[in-house]
Amino acid sequence: MGLWYISFAAGEGFRGATVVEARSSEGAHAEATRRNLNPGGEAAILPVPPRHEGEARAYLNRLVSLEELIADGGKRVDDLPPKTAEAIHAAADHICQECNS
């Protein structure tokens, strides 16, 4: 089991993010949905690197706003340098908005 970060967004923008414990990205999506932490929209799912597990636990099993993430020092992927943003997008598993129901 590991920690997984899930970010949800739709046409109107960011809908929230959460961290859940699961064995896979599919399991993480199912766990977030089971816990009513899935607000819909497209989902981007990434494993939390071990070096960030301590800080990620602050978001475990709850839906977090963009304001809270930014206040905690987080950054929007699109605000990162282009190569960094591309690497994150490539590493994430994605669930399209229509498929995330």
PDB file of N, CA and C in Angstrom:
ATOM      1  N   MET A   1       0.849  -1.184   0.000  1.00  0.00           N
ATOM      2  CA  MET A   1       0.000   0.000   0.000  1.00  0.00           C
ATOM      3  C   MET A   1       0.884   1.233   0.000  1.00  0.00           C
ATOM      4  N   GLY A   2       0.420   2.233  -0.692  1.00  0.00           N
ATOM      5  CA  GLY A   2       1.140   3.488  -0.733  1.00  0.00           C
ATOM      6  C   GLY A   2       0.162   4.652  -0.752  1.00  0.00           C
ATOM      7  N   LEU A   3       0.697   5.838  -0.700  1.00  0.00           N
ATOM      8  CA  LEU A   3      -0.134   7.043  -0.763  1.00  0.00           C
ATOM      9  C   LEU A   3      -0.220   7.524  -2.211  1.00  0.00           C
ATOM     10  N   TRP A   4      -1.414   7.981  -2.581  1.00  0.00           N
ATOM     11  CA  TRP A   4      -1.681   8.473  -3.929  1.00  0.00           C
ATOM     12  C   TRP A   4      -2.334   9.843  -3.834  1.00  0.00           C
ATOM     13  N   TYR A   5      -1.843  10.771  -4.635  1.00  0.00           N
ATOM     14  CA  TYR A   5      -2.404  12.121  -4.740  1.00  0.00           C
ATOM     15  C   TYR A   5      -3.337  12.149  -5.943  1.00  0.00           C
ATOM     16  N   ILE A   6      -4.533  12.659  -5.742  1.00  0.00           N
ATOM     17  CA  ILE A   6      -5.499  12.776  -6.839  1.00  0.00           C
ATOM     18  C   ILE A   6      -5.963  14.222  -6.923  1.00  0.00           C
ATOM     19  N   SER A   7      -5.858  14.783  -8.113  1.00  0.00           N
ATOM     20  CA  SER A   7      -6.325  16.136  -8.385  1.00  0.00           C
ATOM     21  C   SER A   7      -7.515  16.048  -9.321  1.00  0.00           C
ATOM     22  N   PHE A   8      -8.570  16.779  -9.011  1.00  0.00           N
ATOM     23  CA  PHE A   8      -9.792  16.776  -9.818  1.00  0.00           C
ATOM     24  C   PHE A   8      -9.996  18.155 -10.431  1.00  0.00           C
ATOM     25  N   ALA A   9     -10.340  18.191 -11.722  1.00  0.00           N
ATOM     26  CA  ALA A   9     -10.590  19.463 -12.401  1.00  0.00           C
ATOM     27  C   ALA A   9     -11.621  19.239 -13.507  1.00  0.00           C
ATOM     28  N   ALA A  10     -12.269  20.321 -13.877  1.00  0.00           N
ATOM     29  CA  ALA A  10     -13.236  20.293 -14.982  1.00  0.00           C
ATOM     30  C   ALA A  10     -13.122  21.622 -15.719  1.00  0.00           C
ATOM     31  N   GLY A  11     -14.036  21.865 -16.640  1.00  0.00           N
ATOM     32  CA  GLY A  11     -14.000  23.084 -17.436  1.00  0.00           C
ATOM     33  C   GLY A  11     -13.903  24.352 -16.622  1.00  0.00           C
ATOM     34  N   GLU A  12     -14.541  24.364 -15.458  1.00  0.00           N
ATOM     35  CA  GLU A  12     -14.499  25.561 -14.604  1.00  0.00           C
ATOM     36  C   GLU A  12     -13.226  25.630 -13.763  1.00  0.00           C
ATOM     37  N   GLY A  13     -12.384  24.625 -13.846  1.00  0.00           N
ATOM     38  CA  GLY A  13     -11.113  24.644 -13.131  1.00  0.00           C
ATOM     39  C   GLY A  13     -11.012  23.581 -12.048  1.00  0.00           C
ATOM     40  N   PHE A  14     -10.144  23.837 -11.106  1.00  0.00           N
ATOM     41  CA  PHE A  14      -9.825  22.913 -10.021  1.00  0.00           C
ATOM     42  C   PHE A  14     -11.048  22.645  -9.149  1.00  0.00           C
ATOM     43  N   ARG A  15     -11.294  21.369  -8.881  1.00  0.00           N
ATOM     44  CA  ARG A  15     -12.416  20.984  -8.014  1.00  0.00           C
ATOM     45  C   ARG A  15     -11.974  20.482  -6.653  1.00  0.00           C
ATOM     46  N   GLY A  16     -10.708  20.149  -6.501  1.00  0.00           N
ATOM     47  CA  GLY A  16     -10.208  19.665  -5.225  1.00  0.00           C
ATOM     48  C   GLY A  16      -9.147  18.606  -5.429  1.00  0.00           C
ATOM     49  N   ALA A  17      -8.500  18.250  -4.332  1.00  0.00           N
ATOM     50  CA  ALA A  17      -7.471  17.208  -4.357  1.00  0.00           C
ATOM     51  C   ALA A  17      -7.565  16.419  -3.062  1.00  0.00           C
ATOM     52  N   THR A  18      -7.041  15.220  -3.112  1.00  0.00           N
ATOM     53  CA  THR A  18      -7.012  14.379  -1.923  1.00  0.00           C
ATOM     54  C   THR A  18      -5.808  13.463  -1.982  1.00  0.00           C
ATOM     55  N   VAL A  19      -5.500  12.857  -0.864  1.00  0.00           N
ATOM     56  CA  VAL A  19      -4.499  11.799  -0.773  1.00  0.00           C
ATOM     57  C   VAL A  19      -5.202  10.608  -0.135  1.00  0.00           C
ATOM     58  N   VAL A  20      -5.046   9.449  -0.756  1.00  0.00           N
ATOM     59  CA  VAL A  20      -5.614   8.222  -0.198  1.00  0.00           C
ATOM     60  C   VAL A  20      -4.554   7.131  -0.206  1.00  0.00           C
ATOM     61  N   GLU A  21      -4.809   6.104   0.564  1.00  0.00           N
ATOM     62  CA  GLU A  21      -3.907   4.956   0.608  1.00  0.00           C
ATOM     63  C   GLU A  21      -4.499   3.854  -0.255  1.00  0.00           C
ATOM     64  N   ALA A  22      -3.670   3.285  -1.142  1.00  0.00           N
ATOM     65  CA  ALA A  22      -4.143   2.234  -2.050  1.00  0.00           C
ATOM     66  C   ALA A  22      -2.943   1.481  -2.617  1.00  0.00           C
ATOM     67  N   ARG A  23      -3.237   0.429  -3.348  1.00  0.00           N
ATOM     68  CA  ARG A  23      -2.190  -0.378  -3.979  1.00  0.00           C
ATOM     69  C   ARG A  23      -1.879   0.058  -5.412  1.00  0.00           C
ATOM     70  N   SER A  24      -2.795   0.803  -6.032  1.00  0.00           N
ATOM     71  CA  SER A  24      -2.628   1.199  -7.433  1.00  0.00           C
ATOM     72  C   SER A  24      -3.401   2.491  -7.684  1.00  0.00           C
ATOM     73  N   SER A  25      -3.184   3.088  -8.849  1.00  0.00           N
ATOM     74  CA  SER A  25      -3.934   4.302  -9.175  1.00  0.00           C
ATOM     75  C   SER A  25      -5.428   3.990  -9.307  1.00  0.00           C
ATOM     76  N   GLU A  26      -5.752   2.834  -9.861  1.00  0.00           N
ATOM     77  CA  GLU A  26      -7.165   2.449  -9.961  1.00  0.00           C
ATOM     78  C   GLU A  26      -7.773   2.285  -8.572  1.00  0.00           C
ATOM     79  N   GLY A  27      -7.014   1.661  -7.677  1.00  0.00           N
ATOM     80  CA  GLY A  27      -7.468   1.503  -6.305  1.00  0.00           C
ATOM     81  C   GLY A  27      -7.607   2.841  -5.592  1.00  0.00           C
ATOM     82  N   ALA A  28      -6.711   3.773  -5.898  1.00  0.00           N
ATOM     83  CA  ALA A  28      -6.777   5.107  -5.288  1.00  0.00           C
ATOM     84  C   ALA A  28      -8.048   5.824  -5.737  1.00  0.00           C
ATOM     85  N   HIS A  29      -8.353   5.743  -7.018  1.00  0.00           N
ATOM     86  CA  HIS A  29      -9.576   6.374  -7.528  1.00  0.00           C
ATOM     87  C   HIS A  29     -10.804   5.752  -6.867  1.00  0.00           C
ATOM     88  N   ALA A  30     -10.826   4.442  -6.771  1.00  0.00           N
ATOM     89  CA  ALA A  30     -11.952   3.759  -6.127  1.00  0.00           C
ATOM     90  C   ALA A  30     -12.078   4.153  -4.656  1.00  0.00           C
ATOM     91  N   GLU A  31     -10.947   4.262  -3.961  1.00  0.00           N
ATOM     92  CA  GLU A  31     -10.965   4.640  -2.545  1.00  0.00           C
ATOM     93  C   GLU A  31     -11.477   6.067  -2.363  1.00  0.00           C
ATOM     94  N   ALA A  32     -11.028   6.982  -3.196  1.00  0.00           N
ATOM     95  CA  ALA A  32     -11.510   8.372  -3.112  1.00  0.00           C
ATOM     96  C   ALA A  32     -13.010   8.430  -3.370  1.00  0.00           C
ATOM     97  N   THR A  33     -13.477   7.670  -4.346  1.00  0.00           N
ATOM     98  CA  THR A  33     -14.909   7.643  -4.657  1.00  0.00           C
ATOM     99  C   THR A  33     -15.690   7.034  -3.499  1.00  0.00           C
ATOM    100  N   ARG A  34     -15.184   5.937  -2.944  1.00  0.00           N
ATOM    101  CA  ARG A  34     -15.857   5.274  -1.816  1.00  0.00           C
ATOM    102  C   ARG A  34     -15.979   6.206  -0.619  1.00  0.00           C
ATOM    103  N   ARG A  35     -14.988   7.049  -0.416  1.00  0.00           N
ATOM    104  CA  ARG A  35     -14.984   7.978   0.720  1.00  0.00           C
ATOM    105  C   ARG A  35     -15.692   9.306   0.414  1.00  0.00           C
ATOM    106  N   ASN A  36     -16.355   9.376  -0.733  1.00  0.00           N
ATOM    107  CA  ASN A  36     -17.052  10.601  -1.150  1.00  0.00           C
ATOM    108  C   ASN A  36     -16.103  11.791  -1.284  1.00  0.00           C
ATOM    109  N   LEU A  37     -14.893  11.531  -1.769  1.00  0.00           N
ATOM    110  CA  LEU A  37     -13.891  12.577  -1.970  1.00  0.00           C
ATOM    111  C   LEU A  37     -13.709  12.898  -3.450  1.00  0.00           C
ATOM    112  N   ASN A  38     -14.554  12.341  -4.293  1.00  0.00           N
ATOM    113  CA  ASN A  38     -14.465  12.516  -5.737  1.00  0.00           C
ATOM    114  C   ASN A  38     -15.541  13.507  -6.181  1.00  0.00           C
ATOM    115  N   PRO A  39     -15.150  14.770  -6.466  1.00  0.00           N
ATOM    116  CA  PRO A  39     -16.136  15.761  -6.881  1.00  0.00           C
ATOM    117  C   PRO A  39     -16.437  15.727  -8.376  1.00  0.00           C
ATOM    118  N   GLY A  40     -15.907  14.738  -9.081  1.00  0.00           N
ATOM    119  CA  GLY A  40     -16.119  14.635 -10.514  1.00  0.00           C
ATOM    120  C   GLY A  40     -15.089  15.428 -11.289  1.00  0.00           C
ATOM    121  N   GLY A  41     -15.246  15.414 -12.598  1.00  0.00           N
ATOM    122  CA  GLY A  41     -14.280  16.063 -13.465  1.00  0.00           C
ATOM    123  C   GLY A  41     -13.171  15.096 -13.830  1.00  0.00           C
ATOM    124  N   GLU A  42     -12.173  15.600 -14.522  1.00  0.00           N
ATOM    125  CA  GLU A  42     -11.010  14.788 -14.858  1.00  0.00           C
ATOM    126  C   GLU A  42     -10.199  14.554 -13.595  1.00  0.00           C
ATOM    127  N   ALA A  43      -9.636  13.360 -13.477  1.00  0.00           N
ATOM    128  CA  ALA A  43      -8.789  13.031 -12.332  1.00  0.00           C
ATOM    129  C   ALA A  43      -7.373  12.744 -12.829  1.00  0.00           C
ATOM    130  N   ALA A  44      -6.401  13.334 -12.158  1.00  0.00           N
ATOM    131  CA  ALA A  44      -4.984  13.030 -12.389  1.00  0.00           C
ATOM    132  C   ALA A  44      -4.467  12.375 -11.121  1.00  0.00           C
ATOM    133  N   ILE A  45      -3.890  11.188 -11.260  1.00  0.00           N
ATOM    134  CA  ILE A  45      -3.515  10.379 -10.102  1.00  0.00           C
ATOM    135  C   ILE A  45      -2.018  10.092 -10.154  1.00  0.00           C
ATOM    136  N   LEU A  46      -1.341  10.412  -9.061  1.00  0.00           N
ATOM    137  CA  LEU A  46       0.107  10.213  -8.965  1.00  0.00           C
ATOM    138  C   LEU A  46       0.474   9.551  -7.644  1.00  0.00           C
ATOM    139  N   PRO A  47       1.459   8.638  -7.666  1.00  0.00           N
ATOM    140  CA  PRO A  47       1.950   8.116  -6.382  1.00  0.00           C
ATOM    141  C   PRO A  47       2.696   9.223  -5.646  1.00  0.00           C
ATOM    142  N   VAL A  48       2.554   9.253  -4.342  1.00  0.00           N
ATOM    143  CA  VAL A  48       3.282  10.229  -3.523  1.00  0.00           C
ATOM    144  C   VAL A  48       4.692   9.674  -3.299  1.00  0.00           C
ATOM    145  N   PRO A  49       5.733  10.415  -3.695  1.00  0.00           N
ATOM    146  CA  PRO A  49       7.096   9.929  -3.453  1.00  0.00           C
ATOM    147  C   PRO A  49       7.348   9.770  -1.949  1.00  0.00           C
ATOM    148  N   PRO A  50       8.095   8.750  -1.560  1.00  0.00           N
ATOM    149  CA  PRO A  50       8.346   8.521  -0.127  1.00  0.00           C
ATOM    150  C   PRO A  50       8.834   9.754   0.618  1.00  0.00           C
ATOM    151  N   ARG A  51       9.644  10.591  -0.024  1.00  0.00           N
ATOM    152  CA  ARG A  51      10.170  11.777   0.668  1.00  0.00           C
ATOM    153  C   ARG A  51       9.093  12.813   0.967  1.00  0.00           C
ATOM    154  N   HIS A  52       7.908  12.687   0.344  1.00  0.00           N
ATOM    155  CA  HIS A  52       6.818  13.637   0.575  1.00  0.00           C
ATOM    156  C   HIS A  52       5.640  13.036   1.349  1.00  0.00           C
ATOM    157  N   GLU A  53       5.790  11.785   1.790  1.00  0.00           N
ATOM    158  CA  GLU A  53       4.671  11.127   2.475  1.00  0.00           C
ATOM    159  C   GLU A  53       4.268  11.846   3.755  1.00  0.00           C
ATOM    160  N   GLY A  54       5.214  12.366   4.507  1.00  0.00           N
ATOM    161  CA  GLY A  54       4.900  13.053   5.762  1.00  0.00           C
ATOM    162  C   GLY A  54       3.992  14.245   5.533  1.00  0.00           C
ATOM    163  N   GLU A  55       4.356  15.116   4.607  1.00  0.00           N
ATOM    164  CA  GLU A  55       3.525  16.295   4.342  1.00  0.00           C
ATOM    165  C   GLU A  55       2.216  15.923   3.646  1.00  0.00           C
ATOM    166  N   ALA A  56       2.220  14.865   2.829  1.00  0.00           N
ATOM    167  CA  ALA A  56       1.007  14.453   2.123  1.00  0.00           C
ATOM    168  C   ALA A  56      -0.060  13.925   3.089  1.00  0.00           C
ATOM    169  N   ARG A  57       0.362  13.375   4.209  1.00  0.00           N
ATOM    170  CA  ARG A  57      -0.603  12.844   5.182  1.00  0.00           C
ATOM    171  C   ARG A  57      -1.547  13.924   5.714  1.00  0.00           C
ATOM    172  N   ALA A  58      -1.173  15.188   5.606  1.00  0.00           N
ATOM    173  CA  ALA A  58      -2.063  16.271   6.031  1.00  0.00           C
ATOM    174  C   ALA A  58      -3.337  16.307   5.181  1.00  0.00           C
ATOM    175  N   TYR A  59      -3.288  15.720   3.990  1.00  0.00           N
ATOM    176  CA  TYR A  59      -4.439  15.726   3.077  1.00  0.00           C
ATOM    177  C   TYR A  59      -5.108  14.355   2.983  1.00  0.00           C
ATOM    178  N   LEU A  60      -4.694  13.430   3.834  1.00  0.00           N
ATOM    179  CA  LEU A  60      -5.194  12.059   3.776  1.00  0.00           C
ATOM    180  C   LEU A  60      -6.694  12.003   4.054  1.00  0.00           C
ATOM    181  N   ASN A  61      -7.412  11.402   3.114  1.00  0.00           N
ATOM    182  CA  ASN A  61      -8.842  11.106   3.263  1.00  0.00           C
ATOM    183  C   ASN A  61      -9.717  12.337   3.477  1.00  0.00           C
ATOM    184  N   ARG A  62      -9.340  13.452   2.839  1.00  0.00           N
ATOM    185  CA  ARG A  62     -10.206  14.632   2.849  1.00  0.00           C
ATOM    186  C   ARG A  62      -9.990  15.404   1.560  1.00  0.00           C
ATOM    187  N   LEU A  63     -11.011  16.119   1.138  1.00  0.00           N
ATOM    188  CA  LEU A  63     -10.934  16.920  -0.074  1.00  0.00           C
ATOM    189  C   LEU A  63     -10.373  18.285   0.281  1.00  0.00           C
ATOM    190  N   VAL A  64      -9.322  18.691  -0.420  1.00  0.00           N
ATOM    191  CA  VAL A  64      -8.581  19.903  -0.112  1.00  0.00           C
ATOM    192  C   VAL A  64      -8.805  20.931  -1.221  1.00  0.00           C
ATOM    193  N   SER A  65      -8.965  22.186  -0.839  1.00  0.00           N
ATOM    194  CA  SER A  65      -9.167  23.262  -1.810  1.00  0.00           C
ATOM    195  C   SER A  65      -7.840  23.739  -2.383  1.00  0.00           C
ATOM    196  N   LEU A  66      -7.911  24.421  -3.511  1.00  0.00           N
ATOM    197  CA  LEU A  66      -6.725  25.023  -4.098  1.00  0.00           C
ATOM    198  C   LEU A  66      -6.115  26.042  -3.153  1.00  0.00           C
ATOM    199  N   GLU A  67      -6.956  26.799  -2.473  1.00  0.00           N
ATOM    200  CA  GLU A  67      -6.468  27.807  -1.528  1.00  0.00           C
ATOM    201  C   GLU A  67      -5.633  27.180  -0.419  1.00  0.00           C
ATOM    202  N   GLU A  68      -6.076  26.044   0.094  1.00  0.00           N
ATOM    203  CA  GLU A  68      -5.311  25.377   1.148  1.00  0.00           C
ATOM    204  C   GLU A  68      -3.984  24.849   0.613  1.00  0.00           C
ATOM    205  N   LEU A  69      -4.020  24.258  -0.573  1.00  0.00           N
ATOM    206  CA  LEU A  69      -2.779  23.750  -1.156  1.00  0.00           C
ATOM    207  C   LEU A  69      -1.762  24.876  -1.374  1.00  0.00           C
ATOM    208  N   ILE A  70      -2.226  26.003  -1.911  1.00  0.00           N
ATOM    209  CA  ILE A  70      -1.339  27.145  -2.161  1.00  0.00           C
ATOM    210  C   ILE A  70      -0.817  27.701  -0.828  1.00  0.00           C
ATOM    211  N   ALA A  71      -1.703  27.815   0.163  1.00  0.00           N
ATOM    212  CA  ALA A  71      -1.283  28.324   1.481  1.00  0.00           C
ATOM    213  C   ALA A  71      -0.214  27.430   2.110  1.00  0.00           C
ATOM    214  N   ASP A  72      -0.252  26.131   1.788  1.00  0.00           N
ATOM    215  CA  ASP A  72       0.728  25.190   2.319  1.00  0.00           C
ATOM    216  C   ASP A  72       2.003  25.123   1.470  1.00  0.00           C
ATOM    217  N   GLY A  73       2.103  25.993   0.465  1.00  0.00           N
ATOM    218  CA  GLY A  73       3.298  26.028  -0.364  1.00  0.00           C
ATOM    219  C   GLY A  73       3.208  25.242  -1.652  1.00  0.00           C
ATOM    220  N   GLY A  74       2.039  24.679  -1.929  1.00  0.00           N
ATOM    221  CA  GLY A  74       1.859  23.936  -3.175  1.00  0.00           C
ATOM    222  C   GLY A  74       1.812  24.867  -4.373  1.00  0.00           C
ATOM    223  N   LYS A  75       1.997  24.277  -5.552  1.00  0.00           N
ATOM    224  CA  LYS A  75       1.948  25.043  -6.790  1.00  0.00           C
ATOM    225  C   LYS A  75       1.058  24.323  -7.789  1.00  0.00           C
ATOM    226  N   ARG A  76       0.395  25.112  -8.621  1.00  0.00           N
ATOM    227  CA  ARG A  76      -0.360  24.521  -9.725  1.00  0.00           C
ATOM    228  C   ARG A  76       0.640  23.977 -10.740  1.00  0.00           C
ATOM    229  N   VAL A  77       0.363  22.819 -11.303  1.00  0.00           N
ATOM    230  CA  VAL A  77       1.277  22.216 -12.270  1.00  0.00           C
ATOM    231  C   VAL A  77       1.543  23.188 -13.415  1.00  0.00           C
ATOM    232  N   ASP A  78       0.522  23.878 -13.881  1.00  0.00           N
ATOM    233  CA  ASP A  78       0.707  24.780 -15.014  1.00  0.00           C
ATOM    234  C   ASP A  78       1.525  26.019 -14.663  1.00  0.00           C
ATOM    235  N   ASP A  79       1.798  26.247 -13.384  1.00  0.00           N
ATOM    236  CA  ASP A  79       2.655  27.358 -12.971  1.00  0.00           C
ATOM    237  C   ASP A  79       4.125  26.934 -12.851  1.00  0.00           C
ATOM    238  N   LEU A  80       4.401  25.658 -13.044  1.00  0.00           N
ATOM    239  CA  LEU A  80       5.772  25.142 -12.973  1.00  0.00           C
ATOM    240  C   LEU A  80       6.467  25.341 -14.318  1.00  0.00           C
ATOM    241  N   PRO A  81       7.789  25.232 -14.350  1.00  0.00           N
ATOM    242  CA  PRO A  81       8.483  25.297 -15.635  1.00  0.00           C
ATOM    243  C   PRO A  81       7.908  24.253 -16.599  1.00  0.00           C
ATOM    244  N   PRO A  82       7.833  24.580 -17.887  1.00  0.00           N
ATOM    245  CA  PRO A  82       7.184  23.679 -18.855  1.00  0.00           C
ATOM    246  C   PRO A  82       7.677  22.238 -18.824  1.00  0.00           C
ATOM    247  N   LYS A  83       8.971  22.019 -18.723  1.00  0.00           N
ATOM    248  CA  LYS A  83       9.481  20.640 -18.716  1.00  0.00           C
ATOM    249  C   LYS A  83       9.041  19.884 -17.469  1.00  0.00           C
ATOM    250  N   THR A  84       8.990  20.571 -16.343  1.00  0.00           N
ATOM    251  CA  THR A  84       8.534  19.950 -15.105  1.00  0.00           C
ATOM    252  C   THR A  84       7.056  19.606 -15.205  1.00  0.00           C
ATOM    253  N   ALA A  85       6.261  20.542 -15.715  1.00  0.00           N
ATOM    254  CA  ALA A  85       4.819  20.302 -15.875  1.00  0.00           C
ATOM    255  C   ALA A  85       4.574  19.137 -16.828  1.00  0.00           C
ATOM    256  N   GLU A  86       5.306  19.088 -17.924  1.00  0.00           N
ATOM    257  CA  GLU A  86       5.154  17.989 -18.881  1.00  0.00           C
ATOM    258  C   GLU A  86       5.492  16.642 -18.237  1.00  0.00           C
ATOM    259  N   ALA A  87       6.541  16.610 -17.429  1.00  0.00           N
ATOM    260  CA  ALA A  87       6.937  15.362 -16.768  1.00  0.00           C
ATOM    261  C   ALA A  87       5.864  14.897 -15.792  1.00  0.00           C
ATOM    262  N   ILE A  88       5.272  15.821 -15.073  1.00  0.00           N
ATOM    263  CA  ILE A  88       4.207  15.461 -14.124  1.00  0.00           C
ATOM    264  C   ILE A  88       2.986  14.952 -14.875  1.00  0.00           C
ATOM    265  N   HIS A  89       2.584  15.651 -15.932  1.00  0.00           N
ATOM    266  CA  HIS A  89       1.433  15.200 -16.729  1.00  0.00           C
ATOM    267  C   HIS A  89       1.690  13.809 -17.311  1.00  0.00           C
ATOM    268  N   ALA A  90       2.920  13.565 -17.768  1.00  0.00           N
ATOM    269  CA  ALA A  90       3.251  12.267 -18.360  1.00  0.00           C
ATOM    270  C   ALA A  90       3.256  11.151 -17.317  1.00  0.00           C
ATOM    271  N   ALA A  91       3.645  11.471 -16.084  1.00  0.00           N
ATOM    272  CA  ALA A  91       3.731  10.453 -15.034  1.00  0.00           C
ATOM    273  C   ALA A  91       2.374  10.105 -14.428  1.00  0.00           C
ATOM    274  N   ALA A  92       1.411  11.005 -14.556  1.00  0.00           N
ATOM    275  CA  ALA A  92       0.101  10.798 -13.931  1.00  0.00           C
ATOM    276  C   ALA A  92      -0.757   9.844 -14.748  1.00  0.00           C
ATOM    277  N   ASP A  93      -1.560   9.073 -14.034  1.00  0.00           N
ATOM    278  CA  ASP A  93      -2.650   8.336 -14.680  1.00  0.00           C
ATOM    279  C   ASP A  93      -3.826   9.294 -14.735  1.00  0.00           C
ATOM    280  N   HIS A  94      -4.540   9.279 -15.852  1.00  0.00           N
ATOM    281  CA  HIS A  94      -5.644  10.213 -16.039  1.00  0.00           C
ATOM    282  C   HIS A  94      -6.952   9.468 -16.231  1.00  0.00           C
ATOM    283  N   ILE A  95      -8.001  10.020 -15.666  1.00  0.00           N
ATOM    284  CA  ILE A  95      -9.354   9.522 -15.891  1.00  0.00           C
ATOM    285  C   ILE A  95     -10.138  10.698 -16.469  1.00  0.00           C
ATOM    286  N   CYS A  96     -10.686  10.528 -17.650  1.00  0.00           N
ATOM    287  CA  CYS A  96     -11.387  11.640 -18.291  1.00  0.00           C
ATOM    288  C   CYS A  96     -12.671  11.980 -17.531  1.00  0.00           C
ATOM    289  N   GLN A  97     -13.135  13.191 -17.751  1.00  0.00           N
ATOM    290  CA  GLN A  97     -14.323  13.678 -17.041  1.00  0.00           C
ATOM    291  C   GLN A  97     -15.521  12.761 -17.273  1.00  0.00           C
ATOM    292  N   GLU A  98     -15.728  12.336 -18.510  1.00  0.00           N
ATOM    293  CA  GLU A  98     -16.873  11.468 -18.822  1.00  0.00           C
ATOM    294  C   GLU A  98     -16.757  10.095 -18.179  1.00  0.00           C
ATOM    295  N   CYS A  99     -15.521   9.649 -17.960  1.00  0.00           N
ATOM    296  CA  CYS A  99     -15.282   8.318 -17.368  1.00  0.00           C
ATOM    297  C   CYS A  99     -15.293   8.359 -15.852  1.00  0.00           C
ATOM    298  N   ASN A 100     -15.216   9.541 -15.261  1.00  0.00           N
ATOM    299  CA  ASN A 100     -15.147   9.680 -13.806  1.00  0.00           C
ATOM    300  C   ASN A 100     -16.542   9.940 -13.260  1.00  0.00           C
ATOM    301  N   SER A 101     -17.281   8.871 -13.138  1.00  0.00           N
ATOM    302  CA  SER A 101     -18.641   9.032 -12.589  1.00  0.00           C
ATOM    303  C   SER A 101     -18.895   8.039 -11.490  1.00  0.00           C
TER     304      SER A 101
END
